[in-house]
Amino acid sequence: MKVQLNKEDQLLKRFLEEHIPFHELRKVGFFHKDMKKSDIHGQAKRICEFFGYKTVYEYGAKVTYAHISYASGIYGLDSDRPLHIDEEGKLKEAPFIEQFGGIYE
């Protein structure tokens, strides 16, 4: 018999399915080996404890900045930074520090 989820649990289940790779994280030990994919509250609790969130919906909400290396050549000394057209129509390389938007943007 299939359990009917309330609206809050349906939202939580959908959020976890879209943003959290359950099987991969269980395989590497983030989720304990006995946790089932259907244990959505256990998953949310583990994510909140690990990242220090008040709610699992904070996951991916903030903009992240990172340096991404693009190296090529025999010793990795040549730059293969991707090219793009900026807002002014000029050809530019990807910035040294790249910005990755949050999931709510």
PDB file of N, CA and C in Angstrom:
ATOM      1  N   MET A   1       0.839  -1.182   0.000  1.00  0.00           N
ATOM      2  CA  MET A   1       0.000   0.000   0.000  1.00  0.00           C
ATOM      3  C   MET A   1       0.887   1.250   0.000  1.00  0.00           C
ATOM      4  N   LYS A   2       0.608   2.155  -0.895  1.00  0.00           N
ATOM      5  CA  LYS A   2       1.382   3.368  -1.033  1.00  0.00           C
ATOM      6  C   LYS A   2       0.924   4.408  -0.008  1.00  0.00           C
ATOM      7  N   VAL A   3       1.890   5.054   0.640  1.00  0.00           N
ATOM      8  CA  VAL A   3       1.580   6.074   1.637  1.00  0.00           C
ATOM      9  C   VAL A   3       1.289   7.392   0.933  1.00  0.00           C
ATOM     10  N   GLN A   4       0.201   8.042   1.317  1.00  0.00           N
ATOM     11  CA  GLN A   4      -0.166   9.335   0.755  1.00  0.00           C
ATOM     12  C   GLN A   4       0.561  10.426   1.533  1.00  0.00           C
ATOM     13  N   LEU A   5       1.337  11.271   0.820  1.00  0.00           N
ATOM     14  CA  LEU A   5       2.086  12.346   1.458  1.00  0.00           C
ATOM     15  C   LEU A   5       1.252  13.617   1.502  1.00  0.00           C
ATOM     16  N   ASN A   6       1.399  14.372   2.603  1.00  0.00           N
ATOM     17  CA  ASN A   6       0.731  15.669   2.654  1.00  0.00           C
ATOM     18  C   ASN A   6       1.488  16.651   1.763  1.00  0.00           C
ATOM     19  N   LYS A   7       0.976  17.863   1.584  1.00  0.00           N
ATOM     20  CA  LYS A   7       1.575  18.825   0.646  1.00  0.00           C
ATOM     21  C   LYS A   7       2.993  19.208   1.042  1.00  0.00           C
ATOM     22  N   GLU A   8       3.253  19.391   2.336  1.00  0.00           N
ATOM     23  CA  GLU A   8       4.605  19.739   2.790  1.00  0.00           C
ATOM     24  C   GLU A   8       5.591  18.623   2.466  1.00  0.00           C
ATOM     25  N   ASP A   9       5.188  17.390   2.710  1.00  0.00           N
ATOM     26  CA  ASP A   9       6.063  16.250   2.426  1.00  0.00           C
ATOM     27  C   ASP A   9       6.257  16.051   0.919  1.00  0.00           C
ATOM     28  N   GLN A  10       5.238  16.333   0.124  1.00  0.00           N
ATOM     29  CA  GLN A  10       5.381  16.251  -1.330  1.00  0.00           C
ATOM     30  C   GLN A  10       6.407  17.281  -1.812  1.00  0.00           C
ATOM     31  N   LEU A  11       6.339  18.493  -1.253  1.00  0.00           N
ATOM     32  CA  LEU A  11       7.293  19.548  -1.606  1.00  0.00           C
ATOM     33  C   LEU A  11       8.709  19.141  -1.213  1.00  0.00           C
ATOM     34  N   LEU A  12       8.872  18.608   0.004  1.00  0.00           N
ATOM     35  CA  LEU A  12      10.182  18.168   0.478  1.00  0.00           C
ATOM     36  C   LEU A  12      10.725  17.049  -0.407  1.00  0.00           C
ATOM     37  N   LYS A  13       9.890  16.082  -0.727  1.00  0.00           N
ATOM     38  CA  LYS A  13      10.316  14.960  -1.579  1.00  0.00           C
ATOM     39  C   LYS A  13      10.782  15.473  -2.936  1.00  0.00           C
ATOM     40  N   ARG A  14      10.024  16.372  -3.548  1.00  0.00           N
ATOM     41  CA  ARG A  14      10.389  16.929  -4.854  1.00  0.00           C
ATOM     42  C   ARG A  14      11.702  17.706  -4.775  1.00  0.00           C
ATOM     43  N   PHE A  15      11.869  18.503  -3.716  1.00  0.00           N
ATOM     44  CA  PHE A  15      13.097  19.288  -3.546  1.00  0.00           C
ATOM     45  C   PHE A  15      14.301  18.360  -3.440  1.00  0.00           C
ATOM     46  N   LEU A  16      14.201  17.331  -2.626  1.00  0.00           N
ATOM     47  CA  LEU A  16      15.305  16.386  -2.461  1.00  0.00           C
ATOM     48  C   LEU A  16      15.613  15.666  -3.767  1.00  0.00           C
ATOM     49  N   GLU A  17      14.585  15.250  -4.488  1.00  0.00           N
ATOM     50  CA  GLU A  17      14.805  14.551  -5.759  1.00  0.00           C
ATOM     51  C   GLU A  17      15.495  15.445  -6.781  1.00  0.00           C
ATOM     52  N   GLU A  18      15.173  16.729  -6.785  1.00  0.00           N
ATOM     53  CA  GLU A  18      15.746  17.650  -7.759  1.00  0.00           C
ATOM     54  C   GLU A  18      17.169  18.092  -7.419  1.00  0.00           C
ATOM     55  N   HIS A  19      17.507  18.134  -6.120  1.00  0.00           N
ATOM     56  CA  HIS A  19      18.770  18.750  -5.727  1.00  0.00           C
ATOM     57  C   HIS A  19      19.769  17.843  -5.014  1.00  0.00           C
ATOM     58  N   ILE A  20      19.335  16.719  -4.520  1.00  0.00           N
ATOM     59  CA  ILE A  20      20.206  15.864  -3.712  1.00  0.00           C
ATOM     60  C   ILE A  20      20.355  14.493  -4.369  1.00  0.00           C
ATOM     61  N   PRO A  21      21.575  14.119  -4.782  1.00  0.00           N
ATOM     62  CA  PRO A  21      21.791  12.792  -5.387  1.00  0.00           C
ATOM     63  C   PRO A  21      21.877  11.717  -4.292  1.00  0.00           C
ATOM     64  N   PHE A  22      20.723  11.230  -3.865  1.00  0.00           N
ATOM     65  CA  PHE A  22      20.645  10.333  -2.709  1.00  0.00           C
ATOM     66  C   PHE A  22      21.561   9.118  -2.827  1.00  0.00           C
ATOM     67  N   HIS A  23      21.446   8.370  -3.913  1.00  0.00           N
ATOM     68  CA  HIS A  23      22.187   7.104  -4.020  1.00  0.00           C
ATOM     69  C   HIS A  23      23.701   7.337  -4.004  1.00  0.00           C
ATOM     70  N   GLU A  24      24.157   8.374  -4.675  1.00  0.00           N
ATOM     71  CA  GLU A  24      25.585   8.681  -4.684  1.00  0.00           C
ATOM     72  C   GLU A  24      26.066   9.085  -3.295  1.00  0.00           C
ATOM     73  N   LEU A  25      25.267   9.883  -2.589  1.00  0.00           N
ATOM     74  CA  LEU A  25      25.666  10.318  -1.249  1.00  0.00           C
ATOM     75  C   LEU A  25      25.624   9.167  -0.241  1.00  0.00           C
ATOM     76  N   ARG A  26      24.694   8.254  -0.419  1.00  0.00           N
ATOM     77  CA  ARG A  26      24.675   7.072   0.454  1.00  0.00           C
ATOM     78  C   ARG A  26      25.896   6.201   0.169  1.00  0.00           C
ATOM     79  N   LYS A  27      26.243   6.074  -1.100  1.00  0.00           N
ATOM     80  CA  LYS A  27      27.380   5.244  -1.494  1.00  0.00           C
ATOM     81  C   LYS A  27      28.689   5.751  -0.883  1.00  0.00           C
ATOM     82  N   VAL A  28      28.862   7.075  -0.796  1.00  0.00           N
ATOM     83  CA  VAL A  28      30.100   7.632  -0.230  1.00  0.00           C
ATOM     84  C   VAL A  28      30.021   7.817   1.284  1.00  0.00           C
ATOM     85  N   GLY A  29      28.891   7.437   1.900  1.00  0.00           N
ATOM     86  CA  GLY A  29      28.792   7.454   3.346  1.00  0.00           C
ATOM     87  C   GLY A  29      28.171   8.692   3.954  1.00  0.00           C
ATOM     88  N   PHE A  30      27.707   9.635   3.146  1.00  0.00           N
ATOM     89  CA  PHE A  30      27.057  10.830   3.704  1.00  0.00           C
ATOM     90  C   PHE A  30      25.765  10.440   4.413  1.00  0.00           C
ATOM     91  N   PHE A  31      24.936   9.618   3.750  1.00  0.00           N
ATOM     92  CA  PHE A  31      23.748   9.037   4.378  1.00  0.00           C
ATOM     93  C   PHE A  31      24.136   7.630   4.814  1.00  0.00           C
ATOM     94  N   HIS A  32      23.712   7.210   6.024  1.00  0.00           N
ATOM     95  CA  HIS A  32      24.084   5.871   6.479  1.00  0.00           C
ATOM     96  C   HIS A  32      23.478   4.810   5.560  1.00  0.00           C
ATOM     97  N   LYS A  33      24.137   3.675   5.513  1.00  0.00           N
ATOM     98  CA  LYS A  33      23.800   2.636   4.524  1.00  0.00           C
ATOM     99  C   LYS A  33      22.393   2.067   4.687  1.00  0.00           C
ATOM    100  N   ASP A  34      21.808   2.190   5.871  1.00  0.00           N
ATOM    101  CA  ASP A  34      20.462   1.657   6.088  1.00  0.00           C
ATOM    102  C   ASP A  34      19.362   2.661   5.759  1.00  0.00           C
ATOM    103  N   MET A  35      19.739   3.923   5.466  1.00  0.00           N
ATOM    104  CA  MET A  35      18.725   4.935   5.157  1.00  0.00           C
ATOM    105  C   MET A  35      18.086   4.627   3.803  1.00  0.00           C
ATOM    106  N   LYS A  36      16.782   4.731   3.763  1.00  0.00           N
ATOM    107  CA  LYS A  36      16.046   4.507   2.522  1.00  0.00           C
ATOM    108  C   LYS A  36      15.763   5.855   1.853  1.00  0.00           C
ATOM    109  N   LYS A  37      15.626   5.813   0.535  1.00  0.00           N
ATOM    110  CA  LYS A  37      15.329   7.037  -0.211  1.00  0.00           C
ATOM    111  C   LYS A  37      13.997   7.640   0.240  1.00  0.00           C
ATOM    112  N   SER A  38      13.092   6.812   0.690  1.00  0.00           N
ATOM    113  CA  SER A  38      11.781   7.299   1.142  1.00  0.00           C
ATOM    114  C   SER A  38      11.844   8.030   2.479  1.00  0.00           C
ATOM    115  N   ASP A  39      12.976   7.961   3.180  1.00  0.00           N
ATOM    116  CA  ASP A  39      13.133   8.655   4.465  1.00  0.00           C
ATOM    117  C   ASP A  39      13.515  10.120   4.209  1.00  0.00           C
ATOM    118  N   ILE A  40      12.545  10.890   3.729  1.00  0.00           N
ATOM    119  CA  ILE A  40      12.828  12.270   3.342  1.00  0.00           C
ATOM    120  C   ILE A  40      13.156  13.146   4.540  1.00  0.00           C
ATOM    121  N   HIS A  41      12.547  12.867   5.675  1.00  0.00           N
ATOM    122  CA  HIS A  41      12.837  13.671   6.874  1.00  0.00           C
ATOM    123  C   HIS A  41      14.225  13.359   7.419  1.00  0.00           C
ATOM    124  N   GLY A  42      14.641  12.108   7.326  1.00  0.00           N
ATOM    125  CA  GLY A  42      15.993  11.734   7.741  1.00  0.00           C
ATOM    126  C   GLY A  42      17.041  12.373   6.847  1.00  0.00           C
ATOM    127  N   GLN A  43      16.785  12.411   5.535  1.00  0.00           N
ATOM    128  CA  GLN A  43      17.703  13.062   4.610  1.00  0.00           C
ATOM    129  C   GLN A  43      17.818  14.550   4.924  1.00  0.00           C
ATOM    130  N   ALA A  44      16.674  15.192   5.102  1.00  0.00           N
ATOM    131  CA  ALA A  44      16.663  16.631   5.387  1.00  0.00           C
ATOM    132  C   ALA A  44      17.399  16.932   6.693  1.00  0.00           C
ATOM    133  N   LYS A  45      17.188  16.094   7.702  1.00  0.00           N
ATOM    134  CA  LYS A  45      17.855  16.295   8.993  1.00  0.00           C
ATOM    135  C   LYS A  45      19.366  16.168   8.847  1.00  0.00           C
ATOM    136  N   ARG A  46      19.828  15.178   8.111  1.00  0.00           N
ATOM    137  CA  ARG A  46      21.267  14.963   7.912  1.00  0.00           C
ATOM    138  C   ARG A  46      21.894  16.142   7.159  1.00  0.00           C
ATOM    139  N   ILE A  47      21.225  16.624   6.136  1.00  0.00           N
ATOM    140  CA  ILE A  47      21.724  17.766   5.361  1.00  0.00           C
ATOM    141  C   ILE A  47      21.811  19.004   6.249  1.00  0.00           C
ATOM    142  N   CYS A  48      20.782  19.253   7.037  1.00  0.00           N
ATOM    143  CA  CYS A  48      20.782  20.416   7.937  1.00  0.00           C
ATOM    144  C   CYS A  48      21.882  20.312   8.988  1.00  0.00           C
ATOM    145  N   GLU A  49      22.066  19.139   9.564  1.00  0.00           N
ATOM    146  CA  GLU A  49      23.122  18.955  10.568  1.00  0.00           C
ATOM    147  C   GLU A  49      24.502  19.175   9.963  1.00  0.00           C
ATOM    148  N   PHE A  50      24.739  18.641   8.775  1.00  0.00           N
ATOM    149  CA  PHE A  50      26.052  18.729   8.148  1.00  0.00           C
ATOM    150  C   PHE A  50      26.389  20.162   7.749  1.00  0.00           C
ATOM    151  N   PHE A  51      25.445  20.856   7.108  1.00  0.00           N
ATOM    152  CA  PHE A  51      25.707  22.200   6.603  1.00  0.00           C
ATOM    153  C   PHE A  51      25.358  23.306   7.598  1.00  0.00           C
ATOM    154  N   GLY A  52      24.724  22.962   8.698  1.00  0.00           N
ATOM    155  CA  GLY A  52      24.343  23.970   9.688  1.00  0.00           C
ATOM    156  C   GLY A  52      23.135  24.796   9.279  1.00  0.00           C
ATOM    157  N   TYR A  53      22.252  24.209   8.491  1.00  0.00           N
ATOM    158  CA  TYR A  53      21.051  24.903   8.040  1.00  0.00           C
ATOM    159  C   TYR A  53      19.945  24.792   9.069  1.00  0.00           C
ATOM    160  N   LYS A  54      19.042  25.762   9.047  1.00  0.00           N
ATOM    161  CA  LYS A  54      17.827  25.683   9.850  1.00  0.00           C
ATOM    162  C   LYS A  54      16.772  24.870   9.107  1.00  0.00           C
ATOM    163  N   THR A  55      16.817  24.948   7.771  1.00  0.00           N
ATOM    164  CA  THR A  55      15.897  24.203   6.921  1.00  0.00           C
ATOM    165  C   THR A  55      16.648  23.718   5.686  1.00  0.00           C
ATOM    166  N   VAL A  56      16.254  22.588   5.169  1.00  0.00           N
ATOM    167  CA  VAL A  56      16.924  21.999   4.009  1.00  0.00           C
ATOM    168  C   VAL A  56      16.796  22.897   2.776  1.00  0.00           C
ATOM    169  N   TYR A  57      15.790  23.766   2.773  1.00  0.00           N
ATOM    170  CA  TYR A  57      15.575  24.639   1.620  1.00  0.00           C
ATOM    171  C   TYR A  57      16.639  25.730   1.496  1.00  0.00           C
ATOM    172  N   GLU A  58      17.536  25.829   2.464  1.00  0.00           N
ATOM    173  CA  GLU A  58      18.674  26.744   2.356  1.00  0.00           C
ATOM    174  C   GLU A  58      19.731  26.188   1.394  1.00  0.00           C
ATOM    175  N   TYR A  59      19.680  24.880   1.130  1.00  0.00           N
ATOM    176  CA  TYR A  59      20.659  24.242   0.261  1.00  0.00           C
ATOM    177  C   TYR A  59      20.636  24.892  -1.116  1.00  0.00           C
ATOM    178  N   GLY A  60      21.761  25.403  -1.559  1.00  0.00           N
ATOM    179  CA  GLY A  60      21.876  25.997  -2.884  1.00  0.00           C
ATOM    180  C   GLY A  60      21.289  27.386  -3.024  1.00  0.00           C
ATOM    181  N   ALA A  61      20.850  27.990  -1.915  1.00  0.00           N
ATOM    182  CA  ALA A  61      20.162  29.278  -1.993  1.00  0.00           C
ATOM    183  C   ALA A  61      21.109  30.458  -2.184  1.00  0.00           C
ATOM    184  N   LYS A  62      22.331  30.347  -1.728  1.00  0.00           N
ATOM    185  CA  LYS A  62      23.262  31.464  -1.781  1.00  0.00           C
ATOM    186  C   LYS A  62      24.124  31.409  -3.036  1.00  0.00           C
ATOM    187  N   VAL A  63      24.497  32.597  -3.503  1.00  0.00           N
ATOM    188  CA  VAL A  63      25.423  32.699  -4.629  1.00  0.00           C
ATOM    189  C   VAL A  63      26.797  32.231  -4.155  1.00  0.00           C
ATOM    190  N   THR A  64      27.491  31.484  -5.003  1.00  0.00           N
ATOM    191  CA  THR A  64      28.814  30.966  -4.682  1.00  0.00           C
ATOM    192  C   THR A  64      29.816  31.548  -5.666  1.00  0.00           C
ATOM    193  N   TYR A  65      30.996  31.883  -5.160  1.00  0.00           N
ATOM    194  CA  TYR A  65      32.079  32.377  -5.999  1.00  0.00           C
ATOM    195  C   TYR A  65      33.226  31.387  -5.926  1.00  0.00           C
ATOM    196  N   ALA A  66      33.837  31.118  -7.082  1.00  0.00           N
ATOM    197  CA  ALA A  66      34.930  30.153  -7.104  1.00  0.00           C
ATOM    198  C   ALA A  66      35.863  30.444  -8.259  1.00  0.00           C
ATOM    199  N   HIS A  67      37.117  30.104  -8.062  1.00  0.00           N
ATOM    200  CA  HIS A  67      38.079  30.163  -9.160  1.00  0.00           C
ATOM    201  C   HIS A  67      38.052  28.807  -9.846  1.00  0.00           C
ATOM    202  N   ILE A  68      37.833  28.835 -11.139  1.00  0.00           N
ATOM    203  CA  ILE A  68      37.828  27.612 -11.926  1.00  0.00           C
ATOM    204  C   ILE A  68      39.072  27.637 -12.808  1.00  0.00           C
ATOM    205  N   SER A  69      39.904  26.627 -12.689  1.00  0.00           N
ATOM    206  CA  SER A  69      41.121  26.553 -13.515  1.00  0.00           C
ATOM    207  C   SER A  69      40.806  25.942 -14.863  1.00  0.00           C
ATOM    208  N   TYR A  70      41.314  26.581 -15.898  1.00  0.00           N
ATOM    209  CA  TYR A  70      41.205  26.063 -17.252  1.00  0.00           C
ATOM    210  C   TYR A  70      42.632  25.946 -17.769  1.00  0.00           C
ATOM    211  N   ALA A  71      43.219  24.793 -17.668  1.00  0.00           N
ATOM    212  CA  ALA A  71      44.615  24.603 -18.067  1.00  0.00           C
ATOM    213  C   ALA A  71      44.704  23.619 -19.219  1.00  0.00           C
ATOM    214  N   SER A  72      45.666  23.880 -20.098  1.00  0.00           N
ATOM    215  CA  SER A  72      45.906  22.957 -21.200  1.00  0.00           C
ATOM    216  C   SER A  72      47.397  22.985 -21.506  1.00  0.00           C
ATOM    217  N   GLY A  73      47.781  22.350 -22.553  1.00  0.00           N
ATOM    218  CA  GLY A  73      49.196  22.276 -22.886  1.00  0.00           C
ATOM    219  C   GLY A  73      49.843  21.126 -22.149  1.00  0.00           C
ATOM    220  N   ILE A  74      51.036  20.803 -22.517  1.00  0.00           N
ATOM    221  CA  ILE A  74      51.706  19.634 -21.957  1.00  0.00           C
ATOM    222  C   ILE A  74      51.919  19.752 -20.448  1.00  0.00           C
ATOM    223  N   TYR A  75      52.158  20.968 -19.951  1.00  0.00           N
ATOM    224  CA  TYR A  75      52.369  21.156 -18.514  1.00  0.00           C
ATOM    225  C   TYR A  75      51.215  21.898 -17.854  1.00  0.00           C
ATOM    226  N   GLY A  76      50.142  22.136 -18.577  1.00  0.00           N
ATOM    227  CA  GLY A  76      48.992  22.821 -18.009  1.00  0.00           C
ATOM    228  C   GLY A  76      49.214  24.304 -17.825  1.00  0.00           C
ATOM    229  N   LEU A  77      50.141  24.879 -18.571  1.00  0.00           N
ATOM    230  CA  LEU A  77      50.471  26.293 -18.393  1.00  0.00           C
ATOM    231  C   LEU A  77      49.691  27.212 -19.332  1.00  0.00           C
ATOM    232  N   ASP A  78      49.075  26.673 -20.353  1.00  0.00           N
ATOM    233  CA  ASP A  78      48.301  27.498 -21.278  1.00  0.00           C
ATOM    234  C   ASP A  78      46.883  27.647 -20.754  1.00  0.00           C
ATOM    235  N   SER A  79      46.288  28.814 -20.973  1.00  0.00           N
ATOM    236  CA  SER A  79      44.926  29.057 -20.528  1.00  0.00           C
ATOM    237  C   SER A  79      43.936  28.755 -21.639  1.00  0.00           C
ATOM    238  N   ASP A  80      42.947  27.988 -21.329  1.00  0.00           N
ATOM    239  CA  ASP A  80      41.850  27.732 -22.252  1.00  0.00           C
ATOM    240  C   ASP A  80      40.546  28.243 -21.646  1.00  0.00           C
ATOM    241  N   ARG A  81      40.601  29.438 -21.044  1.00  0.00           N
ATOM    242  CA  ARG A  81      39.406  30.002 -20.425  1.00  0.00           C
ATOM    243  C   ARG A  81      38.348  30.203 -21.500  1.00  0.00           C
ATOM    244  N   PRO A  82      37.122  29.828 -21.218  1.00  0.00           N
ATOM    245  CA  PRO A  82      36.054  29.980 -22.207  1.00  0.00           C
ATOM    246  C   PRO A  82      35.838  31.444 -22.578  1.00  0.00           C
ATOM    247  N   LEU A  83      35.452  31.667 -23.802  1.00  0.00           N
ATOM    248  CA  LEU A  83      35.158  33.014 -24.281  1.00  0.00           C
ATOM    249  C   LEU A  83      33.650  33.236 -24.272  1.00  0.00           C
ATOM    250  N   HIS A  84      33.255  34.493 -24.038  1.00  0.00           N
ATOM    251  CA  HIS A  84      31.841  34.856 -24.099  1.00  0.00           C
ATOM    252  C   HIS A  84      31.718  36.314 -24.539  1.00  0.00           C
ATOM    253  N   ILE A  85      30.543  36.706 -24.916  1.00  0.00           N
ATOM    254  CA  ILE A  85      30.265  38.087 -25.290  1.00  0.00           C
ATOM    255  C   ILE A  85      29.640  38.770 -24.078  1.00  0.00           C
ATOM    256  N   ASP A  86      30.240  39.885 -23.629  1.00  0.00           N
ATOM    257  CA  ASP A  86      29.699  40.584 -22.461  1.00  0.00           C
ATOM    258  C   ASP A  86      28.500  41.455 -22.849  1.00  0.00           C
ATOM    259  N   GLU A  87      27.959  42.182 -21.859  1.00  0.00           N
ATOM    260  CA  GLU A  87      26.762  43.008 -22.070  1.00  0.00           C
ATOM    261  C   GLU A  87      26.989  44.114 -23.096  1.00  0.00           C
ATOM    262  N   GLU A  88      28.243  44.524 -23.282  1.00  0.00           N
ATOM    263  CA  GLU A  88      28.568  45.593 -24.234  1.00  0.00           C
ATOM    264  C   GLU A  88      28.917  45.042 -25.617  1.00  0.00           C
ATOM    265  N   GLY A  89      28.804  43.728 -25.809  1.00  0.00           N
ATOM    266  CA  GLY A  89      29.081  43.116 -27.096  1.00  0.00           C
ATOM    267  C   GLY A  89      30.552  42.838 -27.349  1.00  0.00           C
ATOM    268  N   LYS A  90      31.374  42.880 -26.296  1.00  0.00           N
ATOM    269  CA  LYS A  90      32.814  42.642 -26.449  1.00  0.00           C
ATOM    270  C   LYS A  90      33.143  41.190 -26.108  1.00  0.00           C
ATOM    271  N   LEU A  91      34.106  40.638 -26.844  1.00  0.00           N
ATOM    272  CA  LEU A  91      34.555  39.278 -26.602  1.00  0.00           C
ATOM    273  C   LEU A  91      35.465  39.265 -25.375  1.00  0.00           C
ATOM    274  N   LYS A  92      35.136  38.447 -24.391  1.00  0.00           N
ATOM    275  CA  LYS A  92      35.891  38.385 -23.138  1.00  0.00           C
ATOM    276  C   LYS A  92      36.154  36.931 -22.758  1.00  0.00           C
ATOM    277  N   GLU A  93      37.245  36.730 -21.989  1.00  0.00           N
ATOM    278  CA  GLU A  93      37.468  35.421 -21.371  1.00  0.00           C
ATOM    279  C   GLU A  93      36.627  35.335 -20.105  1.00  0.00           C
ATOM    280  N   ALA A  94      36.377  34.122 -19.651  1.00  0.00           N
ATOM    281  CA  ALA A  94      35.667  33.929 -18.389  1.00  0.00           C
ATOM    282  C   ALA A  94      36.456  34.625 -17.286  1.00  0.00           C
ATOM    283  N   PRO A  95      35.781  35.243 -16.324  1.00  0.00           N
ATOM    284  CA  PRO A  95      36.490  35.950 -15.255  1.00  0.00           C
ATOM    285  C   PRO A  95      37.305  34.992 -14.388  1.00  0.00           C
ATOM    286  N   PHE A  96      38.311  35.537 -13.697  1.00  0.00           N
ATOM    287  CA  PHE A  96      39.155  34.724 -12.822  1.00  0.00           C
ATOM    288  C   PHE A  96      38.319  34.096 -11.703  1.00  0.00           C
ATOM    289  N   ILE A  97      37.443  34.902 -11.102  1.00  0.00           N
ATOM    290  CA  ILE A  97      36.525  34.396 -10.083  1.00  0.00           C
ATOM    291  C   ILE A  97      35.132  34.354 -10.723  1.00  0.00           C
ATOM    292  N   GLU A  98      34.569  33.169 -10.831  1.00  0.00           N
ATOM    293  CA  GLU A  98      33.274  33.023 -11.464  1.00  0.00           C
ATOM    294  C   GLU A  98      32.174  32.946 -10.421  1.00  0.00           C
ATOM    295  N   GLN A  99      31.017  33.450 -10.789  1.00  0.00           N
ATOM    296  CA  GLN A  99      29.858  33.479  -9.889  1.00  0.00           C
ATOM    297  C   GLN A  99      28.844  32.446 -10.332  1.00  0.00           C
ATOM    298  N   PHE A 100      28.354  31.671  -9.373  1.00  0.00           N
ATOM    299  CA  PHE A 100      27.327  30.673  -9.628  1.00  0.00           C
ATOM    300  C   PHE A 100      26.111  31.061  -8.812  1.00  0.00           C
ATOM    301  N   GLY A 101      25.000  31.333  -9.483  1.00  0.00           N
ATOM    302  CA  GLY A 101      23.803  31.798  -8.811  1.00  0.00           C
ATOM    303  C   GLY A 101      23.162  30.749  -7.933  1.00  0.00           C
ATOM    304  N   GLY A 102      22.395  31.209  -6.973  1.00  0.00           N
ATOM    305  CA  GLY A 102      21.637  30.312  -6.129  1.00  0.00           C
ATOM    306  C   GLY A 102      20.448  29.735  -6.898  1.00  0.00           C
ATOM    307  N   ILE A 103      19.837  28.710  -6.376  1.00  0.00           N
ATOM    308  CA  ILE A 103      18.756  28.031  -7.077  1.00  0.00           C
ATOM    309  C   ILE A 103      17.478  28.865  -7.126  1.00  0.00           C
ATOM    310  N   TYR A 104      17.371  29.909  -6.310  1.00  0.00           N
ATOM    311  CA  TYR A 104      16.156  30.720  -6.294  1.00  0.00           C
ATOM    312  C   TYR A 104      16.284  31.960  -7.160  1.00  0.00           C
ATOM    313  N   GLU A 105      17.381  32.116  -7.870  1.00  0.00           N
ATOM    314  CA  GLU A 105      17.573  33.288  -8.722  1.00  0.00           C
ATOM    315  C   GLU A 105      17.111  33.018 -10.120  1.00  0.00           C
TER     316      GLU A 105
END
